[in-house]
């Protein structure tokens, strides 16, 4: 398996960071793909294959840590790309919610 689990939705409380610029104060770090639970069940293939997919967004995926679980909130296409390139880690901004 690439991910710890494939989820559908966000099982954590709203954190108020809806825009990319709301995440800039969260420092990026490496996260193992096999520790992530996705919050989306589907991926747009066009987005996965687009060369400029990060041009208008954050360079890092957005992950929410809630109750000891890491949820991949934004950046599923980056995570799948990393897996296809046989990289076990992803650089992500990890927000911890208590």
PDB file of N, CA and C in Angstrom:
ATOM      1  N   UNK A   1       0.820  -1.192   0.000  1.00  0.00           N
ATOM      2  CA  UNK A   1       0.000   0.000   0.000  1.00  0.00           C
ATOM      3  C   UNK A   1       0.858   1.248   0.000  1.00  0.00           C
ATOM      4  N   UNK A   2       0.409   2.240  -0.695  1.00  0.00           N
ATOM      5  CA  UNK A   2       1.128   3.512  -0.730  1.00  0.00           C
ATOM      6  C   UNK A   2       0.855   4.313   0.539  1.00  0.00           C
ATOM      7  N   UNK A   3      -0.427   4.379   0.919  1.00  0.00           N
ATOM      8  CA  UNK A   3      -0.845   5.176   2.079  1.00  0.00           C
ATOM      9  C   UNK A   3      -1.285   4.257   3.219  1.00  0.00           C
ATOM     10  N   UNK A   4      -1.337   4.820   4.405  1.00  0.00           N
ATOM     11  CA  UNK A   4      -1.824   4.072   5.558  1.00  0.00           C
ATOM     12  C   UNK A   4      -3.281   3.681   5.341  1.00  0.00           C
ATOM     13  N   UNK A   5      -4.062   4.619   4.791  1.00  0.00           N
ATOM     14  CA  UNK A   5      -5.477   4.370   4.499  1.00  0.00           C
ATOM     15  C   UNK A   5      -5.965   5.404   3.499  1.00  0.00           C
ATOM     16  N   UNK A   6      -7.037   5.064   2.812  1.00  0.00           N
ATOM     17  CA  UNK A   6      -7.690   5.994   1.893  1.00  0.00           C
ATOM     18  C   UNK A   6      -9.002   6.422   2.551  1.00  0.00           C
ATOM     19  N   UNK A   7      -9.073   7.689   2.890  1.00  0.00           N
ATOM     20  CA  UNK A   7     -10.264   8.208   3.541  1.00  0.00           C
ATOM     21  C   UNK A   7     -11.145   8.966   2.571  1.00  0.00           C
ATOM     22  N   UNK A   8     -12.264   9.432   3.085  1.00  0.00           N
ATOM     23  CA  UNK A   8     -13.198  10.214   2.280  1.00  0.00           C
ATOM     24  C   UNK A   8     -13.768  11.307   3.176  1.00  0.00           C
ATOM     25  N   UNK A   9     -13.146  12.458   3.160  1.00  0.00           N
ATOM     26  CA  UNK A   9     -13.581  13.557   4.014  1.00  0.00           C
ATOM     27  C   UNK A   9     -12.577  13.840   5.111  1.00  0.00           C
ATOM     28  N   UNK A  10     -12.847  14.900   5.821  1.00  0.00           N
ATOM     29  CA  UNK A  10     -11.941  15.358   6.883  1.00  0.00           C
ATOM     30  C   UNK A  10     -12.539  15.040   8.242  1.00  0.00           C
ATOM     31  N   UNK A  11     -11.994  14.057   8.955  1.00  0.00           N
ATOM     32  CA  UNK A  11     -12.555  13.647  10.243  1.00  0.00           C
ATOM     33  C   UNK A  11     -12.109  14.508  11.429  1.00  0.00           C
ATOM     34  N   UNK A  12     -11.465  15.604  11.156  1.00  0.00           N
ATOM     35  CA  UNK A  12     -10.954  16.482  12.208  1.00  0.00           C
ATOM     36  C   UNK A  12     -11.739  17.798  12.182  1.00  0.00           C
ATOM     37  N   UNK A  13     -11.688  18.551  13.288  1.00  0.00           N
ATOM     38  CA  UNK A  13     -12.414  19.823  13.340  1.00  0.00           C
ATOM     39  C   UNK A  13     -11.847  20.852  12.357  1.00  0.00           C
ATOM     40  N   UNK A  14     -12.672  21.792  11.970  1.00  0.00           N
ATOM     41  CA  UNK A  14     -12.257  22.886  11.077  1.00  0.00           C
ATOM     42  C   UNK A  14     -11.110  23.653  11.722  1.00  0.00           C
ATOM     43  N   UNK A  15     -10.087  23.970  10.932  1.00  0.00           N
ATOM     44  CA  UNK A  15      -8.913  24.659  11.474  1.00  0.00           C
ATOM     45  C   UNK A  15      -8.785  26.090  10.975  1.00  0.00           C
ATOM     46  N   UNK A  16      -9.624  26.505  10.042  1.00  0.00           N
ATOM     47  CA  UNK A  16      -9.637  27.894   9.589  1.00  0.00           C
ATOM     48  C   UNK A  16      -8.561  28.273   8.587  1.00  0.00           C
ATOM     49  N   UNK A  17      -7.859  27.294   8.049  1.00  0.00           N
ATOM     50  CA  UNK A  17      -6.810  27.591   7.061  1.00  0.00           C
ATOM     51  C   UNK A  17      -7.296  27.121   5.694  1.00  0.00           C
ATOM     52  N   UNK A  18      -8.064  27.965   5.038  1.00  0.00           N
ATOM     53  CA  UNK A  18      -8.674  27.571   3.768  1.00  0.00           C
ATOM     54  C   UNK A  18      -7.881  28.041   2.550  1.00  0.00           C
ATOM     55  N   UNK A  19      -7.038  29.038   2.723  1.00  0.00           N
ATOM     56  CA  UNK A  19      -6.241  29.557   1.600  1.00  0.00           C
ATOM     57  C   UNK A  19      -4.785  29.137   1.761  1.00  0.00           C
ATOM     58  N   UNK A  20      -4.092  29.072   0.646  1.00  0.00           N
ATOM     59  CA  UNK A  20      -2.680  28.676   0.670  1.00  0.00           C
ATOM     60  C   UNK A  20      -1.868  29.586   1.575  1.00  0.00           C
ATOM     61  N   UNK A  21      -2.131  30.869   1.521  1.00  0.00           N
ATOM     62  CA  UNK A  21      -1.333  31.807   2.347  1.00  0.00           C
ATOM     63  C   UNK A  21      -1.557  31.623   3.842  1.00  0.00           C
ATOM     64  N   UNK A  22      -2.650  30.958   4.233  1.00  0.00           N
ATOM     65  CA  UNK A  22      -2.899  30.680   5.649  1.00  0.00           C
ATOM     66  C   UNK A  22      -1.930  29.635   6.207  1.00  0.00           C
ATOM     67  N   UNK A  23      -1.268  28.898   5.315  1.00  0.00           N
ATOM     68  CA  UNK A  23      -0.364  27.817   5.721  1.00  0.00           C
ATOM     69  C   UNK A  23       1.103  28.235   5.762  1.00  0.00           C
ATOM     70  N   UNK A  24       1.440  29.438   5.344  1.00  0.00           N
ATOM     71  CA  UNK A  24       2.856  29.805   5.204  1.00  0.00           C
ATOM     72  C   UNK A  24       3.628  29.797   6.520  1.00  0.00           C
ATOM     73  N   UNK A  25       2.941  29.957   7.648  1.00  0.00           N
ATOM     74  CA  UNK A  25       3.647  29.954   8.937  1.00  0.00           C
ATOM     75  C   UNK A  25       3.871  28.540   9.489  1.00  0.00           C
ATOM     76  N   UNK A  26       3.374  27.524   8.777  1.00  0.00           N
ATOM     77  CA  UNK A  26       3.577  26.133   9.195  1.00  0.00           C
ATOM     78  C   UNK A  26       4.816  25.608   8.465  1.00  0.00           C
ATOM     79  N   UNK A  27       5.882  25.305   9.188  1.00  0.00           N
ATOM     80  CA  UNK A  27       7.125  24.881   8.523  1.00  0.00           C
ATOM     81  C   UNK A  27       6.978  23.499   7.880  1.00  0.00           C
ATOM     82  N   UNK A  28       7.563  23.314   6.699  1.00  0.00           N
ATOM     83  CA  UNK A  28       7.509  22.001   6.057  1.00  0.00           C
ATOM     84  C   UNK A  28       8.474  21.013   6.697  1.00  0.00           C
ATOM     85  N   UNK A  29       8.118  19.748   6.589  1.00  0.00           N
ATOM     86  CA  UNK A  29       8.988  18.659   7.050  1.00  0.00           C
ATOM     87  C   UNK A  29       8.684  17.423   6.203  1.00  0.00           C
ATOM     88  N   UNK A  30       9.521  16.439   6.322  1.00  0.00           N
ATOM     89  CA  UNK A  30       9.300  15.198   5.577  1.00  0.00           C
ATOM     90  C   UNK A  30       8.287  14.327   6.310  1.00  0.00           C
ATOM     91  N   UNK A  31       7.403  13.714   5.515  1.00  0.00           N
ATOM     92  CA  UNK A  31       6.393  12.811   6.050  1.00  0.00           C
ATOM     93  C   UNK A  31       6.430  11.538   5.207  1.00  0.00           C
ATOM     94  N   UNK A  32       6.388  10.401   5.851  1.00  0.00           N
ATOM     95  CA  UNK A  32       6.367   9.127   5.121  1.00  0.00           C
ATOM     96  C   UNK A  32       4.982   8.920   4.500  1.00  0.00           C
ATOM     97  N   UNK A  33       4.955   8.482   3.249  1.00  0.00           N
ATOM     98  CA  UNK A  33       3.687   8.243   2.564  1.00  0.00           C
ATOM     99  C   UNK A  33       2.860   7.177   3.276  1.00  0.00           C
ATOM    100  N   UNK A  34       3.518   6.161   3.818  1.00  0.00           N
ATOM    101  CA  UNK A  34       2.781   5.075   4.457  1.00  0.00           C
ATOM    102  C   UNK A  34       2.233   5.439   5.836  1.00  0.00           C
ATOM    103  N   UNK A  35       2.433   6.691   6.254  1.00  0.00           N
ATOM    104  CA  UNK A  35       1.853   7.183   7.503  1.00  0.00           C
ATOM    105  C   UNK A  35       0.653   8.090   7.248  1.00  0.00           C
ATOM    106  N   UNK A  36       0.350   8.353   5.972  1.00  0.00           N
ATOM    107  CA  UNK A  36      -0.706   9.305   5.617  1.00  0.00           C
ATOM    108  C   UNK A  36      -2.043   8.615   5.360  1.00  0.00           C
ATOM    109  N   UNK A  37      -3.110   9.291   5.791  1.00  0.00           N
ATOM    110  CA  UNK A  37      -4.478   8.902   5.457  1.00  0.00           C
ATOM    111  C   UNK A  37      -5.006   9.994   4.532  1.00  0.00           C
ATOM    112  N   UNK A  38      -5.457   9.621   3.345  1.00  0.00           N
ATOM    113  CA  UNK A  38      -5.957  10.627   2.406  1.00  0.00           C
ATOM    114  C   UNK A  38      -7.334  11.113   2.841  1.00  0.00           C
ATOM    115  N   UNK A  39      -7.684  12.319   2.426  1.00  0.00           N
ATOM    116  CA  UNK A  39      -9.026  12.844   2.696  1.00  0.00           C
ATOM    117  C   UNK A  39      -9.851  12.900   1.415  1.00  0.00           C
ATOM    118  N   UNK A  40      -9.276  12.405   0.333  1.00  0.00           N
ATOM    119  CA  UNK A  40      -9.971  12.322  -0.958  1.00  0.00           C
ATOM    120  C   UNK A  40      -9.820  10.907  -1.492  1.00  0.00           C
ATOM    121  N   UNK A  41     -10.884  10.387  -2.078  1.00  0.00           N
ATOM    122  CA  UNK A  41     -10.849   9.036  -2.635  1.00  0.00           C
ATOM    123  C   UNK A  41     -10.457   9.031  -4.112  1.00  0.00           C
ATOM    124  N   UNK A  42     -10.573  10.183  -4.780  1.00  0.00           N
ATOM    125  CA  UNK A  42     -10.300  10.236  -6.212  1.00  0.00           C
ATOM    126  C   UNK A  42      -9.260  11.301  -6.521  1.00  0.00           C
ATOM    127  N   UNK A  43      -8.631  11.140  -7.673  1.00  0.00           N
ATOM    128  CA  UNK A  43      -7.598  12.071  -8.127  1.00  0.00           C
ATOM    129  C   UNK A  43      -7.849  12.385  -9.583  1.00  0.00           C
ATOM    130  N   UNK A  44      -7.793  13.642  -9.927  1.00  0.00           N
ATOM    131  CA  UNK A  44      -7.945  14.068 -11.318  1.00  0.00           C
ATOM    132  C   UNK A  44      -6.636  13.781 -12.049  1.00  0.00           C
ATOM    133  N   UNK A  45      -6.699  12.924 -13.053  1.00  0.00           N
ATOM    134  CA  UNK A  45      -5.499  12.529 -13.778  1.00  0.00           C
ATOM    135  C   UNK A  45      -4.825  13.716 -14.456  1.00  0.00           C
ATOM    136  N   UNK A  46      -5.604  14.672 -14.948  1.00  0.00           N
ATOM    137  CA  UNK A  46      -5.017  15.878 -15.545  1.00  0.00           C
ATOM    138  C   UNK A  46      -4.150  16.621 -14.534  1.00  0.00           C
ATOM    139  N   UNK A  47      -4.612  16.699 -13.303  1.00  0.00           N
ATOM    140  CA  UNK A  47      -3.851  17.388 -12.260  1.00  0.00           C
ATOM    141  C   UNK A  47      -2.563  16.628 -11.941  1.00  0.00           C
ATOM    142  N   UNK A  48      -2.639  15.314 -11.939  1.00  0.00           N
ATOM    143  CA  UNK A  48      -1.458  14.501 -11.659  1.00  0.00           C
ATOM    144  C   UNK A  48      -0.387  14.686 -12.723  1.00  0.00           C
ATOM    145  N   UNK A  49      -0.814  14.750 -13.980  1.00  0.00           N
ATOM    146  CA  UNK A  49       0.141  14.806 -15.082  1.00  0.00           C
ATOM    147  C   UNK A  49       0.569  16.213 -15.472  1.00  0.00           C
ATOM    148  N   UNK A  50      -0.083  17.234 -14.943  1.00  0.00           N
ATOM    149  CA  UNK A  50       0.244  18.613 -15.296  1.00  0.00           C
ATOM    150  C   UNK A  50       1.629  18.989 -14.768  1.00  0.00           C
ATOM    151  N   UNK A  51       2.446  19.544 -15.643  1.00  0.00           N
ATOM    152  CA  UNK A  51       3.798  19.947 -15.236  1.00  0.00           C
ATOM    153  C   UNK A  51       3.782  21.167 -14.323  1.00  0.00           C
ATOM    154  N   UNK A  52       2.750  22.005 -14.436  1.00  0.00           N
ATOM    155  CA  UNK A  52       2.687  23.230 -13.639  1.00  0.00           C
ATOM    156  C   UNK A  52       1.679  23.124 -12.494  1.00  0.00           C
ATOM    157  N   UNK A  53       1.448  21.917 -11.996  1.00  0.00           N
ATOM    158  CA  UNK A  53       0.409  21.725 -10.984  1.00  0.00           C
ATOM    159  C   UNK A  53       0.674  22.484  -9.685  1.00  0.00           C
ATOM    160  N   UNK A  54       1.926  22.803  -9.392  1.00  0.00           N
ATOM    161  CA  UNK A  54       2.229  23.559  -8.175  1.00  0.00           C
ATOM    162  C   UNK A  54       2.516  25.030  -8.469  1.00  0.00           C
ATOM    163  N   UNK A  55       2.393  25.438  -9.724  1.00  0.00           N
ATOM    164  CA  UNK A  55       2.735  26.803 -10.105  1.00  0.00           C
ATOM    165  C   UNK A  55       1.870  27.827  -9.378  1.00  0.00           C
ATOM    166  N   UNK A  56       0.581  27.535  -9.220  1.00  0.00           N
ATOM    167  CA  UNK A  56      -0.335  28.496  -8.603  1.00  0.00           C
ATOM    168  C   UNK A  56      -0.616  28.199  -7.137  1.00  0.00           C
ATOM    169  N   UNK A  57      -0.041  27.148  -6.605  1.00  0.00           N
ATOM    170  CA  UNK A  57      -0.316  26.778  -5.222  1.00  0.00           C
ATOM    171  C   UNK A  57       0.951  26.689  -4.399  1.00  0.00           C
ATOM    172  N   UNK A  58       0.810  26.068  -3.258  1.00  0.00           N
ATOM    173  CA  UNK A  58       1.931  25.858  -2.353  1.00  0.00           C
ATOM    174  C   UNK A  58       2.835  24.770  -2.922  1.00  0.00           C
ATOM    175  N   UNK A  59       4.129  24.909  -2.717  1.00  0.00           N
ATOM    176  CA  UNK A  59       5.069  23.874  -3.156  1.00  0.00           C
ATOM    177  C   UNK A  59       4.981  22.625  -2.291  1.00  0.00           C
ATOM    178  N   UNK A  60       4.391  22.757  -1.112  1.00  0.00           N
ATOM    179  CA  UNK A  60       4.327  21.655  -0.163  1.00  0.00           C
ATOM    180  C   UNK A  60       2.885  21.180   0.015  1.00  0.00           C
ATOM    181  N   UNK A  61       2.748  19.895   0.251  1.00  0.00           N
ATOM    182  CA  UNK A  61       1.433  19.334   0.571  1.00  0.00           C
ATOM    183  C   UNK A  61       1.005  19.850   1.947  1.00  0.00           C
ATOM    184  N   UNK A  62      -0.296  19.782   2.222  1.00  0.00           N
ATOM    185  CA  UNK A  62      -0.831  20.199   3.515  1.00  0.00           C
ATOM    186  C   UNK A  62      -1.343  18.969   4.244  1.00  0.00           C
ATOM    187  N   UNK A  63      -0.814  18.755   5.438  1.00  0.00           N
ATOM    188  CA  UNK A  63      -1.165  17.593   6.255  1.00  0.00           C
ATOM    189  C   UNK A  63      -1.665  18.096   7.601  1.00  0.00           C
ATOM    190  N   UNK A  64      -2.723  17.466   8.101  1.00  0.00           N
ATOM    191  CA  UNK A  64      -3.250  17.790   9.423  1.00  0.00           C
ATOM    192  C   UNK A  64      -3.021  16.583  10.327  1.00  0.00           C
ATOM    193  N   UNK A  65      -2.353  16.829  11.447  1.00  0.00           N
ATOM    194  CA  UNK A  65      -2.163  15.775  12.442  1.00  0.00           C
ATOM    195  C   UNK A  65      -3.244  15.925  13.498  1.00  0.00           C
ATOM    196  N   UNK A  66      -4.069  14.896  13.634  1.00  0.00           N
ATOM    197  CA  UNK A  66      -5.186  14.936  14.574  1.00  0.00           C
ATOM    198  C   UNK A  66      -5.301  13.582  15.269  1.00  0.00           C
ATOM    199  N   UNK A  67      -5.246  13.608  16.583  1.00  0.00           N
ATOM    200  CA  UNK A  67      -5.329  12.402  17.407  1.00  0.00           C
ATOM    201  C   UNK A  67      -4.319  11.346  16.967  1.00  0.00           C
ATOM    202  N   UNK A  68      -3.106  11.795  16.653  1.00  0.00           N
ATOM    203  CA  UNK A  68      -2.022  10.888  16.307  1.00  0.00           C
ATOM    204  C   UNK A  68      -2.020  10.376  14.878  1.00  0.00           C
ATOM    205  N   UNK A  69      -2.973  10.817  14.064  1.00  0.00           N
ATOM    206  CA  UNK A  69      -3.055  10.376  12.666  1.00  0.00           C
ATOM    207  C   UNK A  69      -2.744  11.545  11.751  1.00  0.00           C
ATOM    208  N   UNK A  70      -2.004  11.283  10.684  1.00  0.00           N
ATOM    209  CA  UNK A  70      -1.649  12.302   9.698  1.00  0.00           C
ATOM    210  C   UNK A  70      -2.598  12.219   8.509  1.00  0.00           C
ATOM    211  N   UNK A  71      -3.373  13.285   8.290  1.00  0.00           N
ATOM    212  CA  UNK A  71      -4.343  13.337   7.201  1.00  0.00           C
ATOM    213  C   UNK A  71      -3.824  14.241   6.090  1.00  0.00           C
ATOM    214  N   UNK A  72      -3.759  13.712   4.882  1.00  0.00           N
ATOM    215  CA  UNK A  72      -3.318  14.472   3.721  1.00  0.00           C
ATOM    216  C   UNK A  72      -4.493  15.299   3.211  1.00  0.00           C
ATOM    217  N   UNK A  73      -4.505  16.573   3.570  1.00  0.00           N
ATOM    218  CA  UNK A  73      -5.622  17.457   3.220  1.00  0.00           C
ATOM    219  C   UNK A  73      -5.502  17.996   1.804  1.00  0.00           C
ATOM    220  N   UNK A  74      -4.307  18.374   1.405  1.00  0.00           N
ATOM    221  CA  UNK A  74      -4.087  18.930   0.068  1.00  0.00           C
ATOM    222  C   UNK A  74      -2.744  18.430  -0.443  1.00  0.00           C
ATOM    223  N   UNK A  75      -2.709  17.997  -1.686  1.00  0.00           N
ATOM    224  CA  UNK A  75      -1.457  17.530  -2.270  1.00  0.00           C
ATOM    225  C   UNK A  75      -1.464  16.060  -2.621  1.00  0.00           C
ATOM    226  N   UNK A  76      -2.652  15.500  -2.830  1.00  0.00           N
ATOM    227  CA  UNK A  76      -2.725  14.087  -3.204  1.00  0.00           C
ATOM    228  C   UNK A  76      -1.940  13.813  -4.482  1.00  0.00           C
ATOM    229  N   UNK A  77      -2.011  14.734  -5.431  1.00  0.00           N
ATOM    230  CA  UNK A  77      -1.264  14.535  -6.678  1.00  0.00           C
ATOM    231  C   UNK A  77       0.243  14.521  -6.432  1.00  0.00           C
ATOM    232  N   UNK A  78       0.722  15.334  -5.487  1.00  0.00           N
ATOM    233  CA  UNK A  78       2.157  15.323  -5.156  1.00  0.00           C
ATOM    234  C   UNK A  78       2.556  13.987  -4.521  1.00  0.00           C
ATOM    235  N   UNK A  79       1.704  13.486  -3.647  1.00  0.00           N
ATOM    236  CA  UNK A  79       1.990  12.223  -2.963  1.00  0.00           C
ATOM    237  C   UNK A  79       2.013  11.058  -3.949  1.00  0.00           C
ATOM    238  N   UNK A  80       1.069  11.034  -4.873  1.00  0.00           N
ATOM    239  CA  UNK A  80       1.043   9.958  -5.864  1.00  0.00           C
ATOM    240  C   UNK A  80       2.262  10.056  -6.784  1.00  0.00           C
ATOM    241  N   UNK A  81       2.616  11.272  -7.155  1.00  0.00           N
ATOM    242  CA  UNK A  81       3.837  11.454  -7.970  1.00  0.00           C
ATOM    243  C   UNK A  81       5.068  10.921  -7.247  1.00  0.00           C
ATOM    244  N   UNK A  82       5.181  11.237  -5.963  1.00  0.00           N
ATOM    245  CA  UNK A  82       6.318  10.747  -5.175  1.00  0.00           C
ATOM    246  C   UNK A  82       6.335   9.216  -5.175  1.00  0.00           C
ATOM    247  N   UNK A  83       5.175   8.608  -5.000  1.00  0.00           N
ATOM    248  CA  UNK A  83       5.093   7.141  -4.996  1.00  0.00           C
ATOM    249  C   UNK A  83       5.487   6.565  -6.347  1.00  0.00           C
ATOM    250  N   UNK A  84       5.036   7.197  -7.425  1.00  0.00           N
ATOM    251  CA  UNK A  84       5.387   6.716  -8.769  1.00  0.00           C
ATOM    252  C   UNK A  84       6.888   6.821  -9.039  1.00  0.00           C
ATOM    253  N   UNK A  85       7.526   7.779  -8.382  1.00  0.00           N
ATOM    254  CA  UNK A  85       8.974   7.956  -8.517  1.00  0.00           C
ATOM    255  C   UNK A  85       9.735   7.149  -7.457  1.00  0.00           C
ATOM    256  N   UNK A  86       9.018   6.287  -6.760  1.00  0.00           N
ATOM    257  CA  UNK A  86       9.563   5.401  -5.736  1.00  0.00           C
ATOM    258  C   UNK A  86      10.228   6.160  -4.594  1.00  0.00           C
ATOM    259  N   UNK A  87       9.665   7.313  -4.268  1.00  0.00           N
ATOM    260  CA  UNK A  87      10.138   8.072  -3.111  1.00  0.00           C
ATOM    261  C   UNK A  87       9.173   7.804  -1.952  1.00  0.00           C
ATOM    262  N   UNK A  88       9.662   7.344  -0.818  1.00  0.00           N
ATOM    263  CA  UNK A  88       8.775   7.003   0.299  1.00  0.00           C
ATOM    264  C   UNK A  88       8.352   8.202   1.154  1.00  0.00           C
ATOM    265  N   UNK A  89       8.913   9.383   0.896  1.00  0.00           N
ATOM    266  CA  UNK A  89       8.587  10.556   1.705  1.00  0.00           C
ATOM    267  C   UNK A  89       8.086  11.705   0.838  1.00  0.00           C
ATOM    268  N   UNK A  90       7.402  12.607   1.500  1.00  0.00           N
ATOM    269  CA  UNK A  90       6.835  13.789   0.866  1.00  0.00           C
ATOM    270  C   UNK A  90       7.133  14.976   1.767  1.00  0.00           C
ATOM    271  N   UNK A  91       7.468  16.106   1.186  1.00  0.00           N
ATOM    272  CA  UNK A  91       7.649  17.320   1.975  1.00  0.00           C
ATOM    273  C   UNK A  91       6.285  17.973   2.142  1.00  0.00           C
ATOM    274  N   UNK A  92       5.911  18.214   3.391  1.00  0.00           N
ATOM    275  CA  UNK A  92       4.572  18.738   3.671  1.00  0.00           C
ATOM    276  C   UNK A  92       4.605  19.694   4.849  1.00  0.00           C
ATOM    277  N   UNK A  93       3.655  20.600   4.844  1.00  0.00           N
ATOM    278  CA  UNK A  93       3.410  21.449   6.009  1.00  0.00           C
ATOM    279  C   UNK A  93       2.449  20.673   6.909  1.00  0.00           C
ATOM    280  N   UNK A  94       2.851  20.432   8.149  1.00  0.00           N
ATOM    281  CA  UNK A  94       2.033  19.607   9.053  1.00  0.00           C
ATOM    282  C   UNK A  94       1.482  20.488  10.172  1.00  0.00           C
ATOM    283  N   UNK A  95       0.156  20.612  10.182  1.00  0.00           N
ATOM    284  CA  UNK A  95      -0.553  21.378  11.200  1.00  0.00           C
ATOM    285  C   UNK A  95      -1.096  20.423  12.243  1.00  0.00           C
ATOM    286  N   UNK A  96      -0.732  20.626  13.491  1.00  0.00           N
ATOM    287  CA  UNK A  96      -1.219  19.769  14.565  1.00  0.00           C
ATOM    288  C   UNK A  96      -2.441  20.405  15.217  1.00  0.00           C
ATOM    289  N   UNK A  97      -3.521  19.628  15.273  1.00  0.00           N
ATOM    290  CA  UNK A  97      -4.759  20.077  15.922  1.00  0.00           C
ATOM    291  C   UNK A  97      -4.944  19.240  17.176  1.00  0.00           C
ATOM    292  N   UNK A  98      -5.218  19.918  18.258  1.00  0.00           N
ATOM    293  CA  UNK A  98      -5.426  19.202  19.533  1.00  0.00           C
ATOM    294  C   UNK A  98      -6.880  19.218  19.923  1.00  0.00           C
TER     295      UNK A  98
END
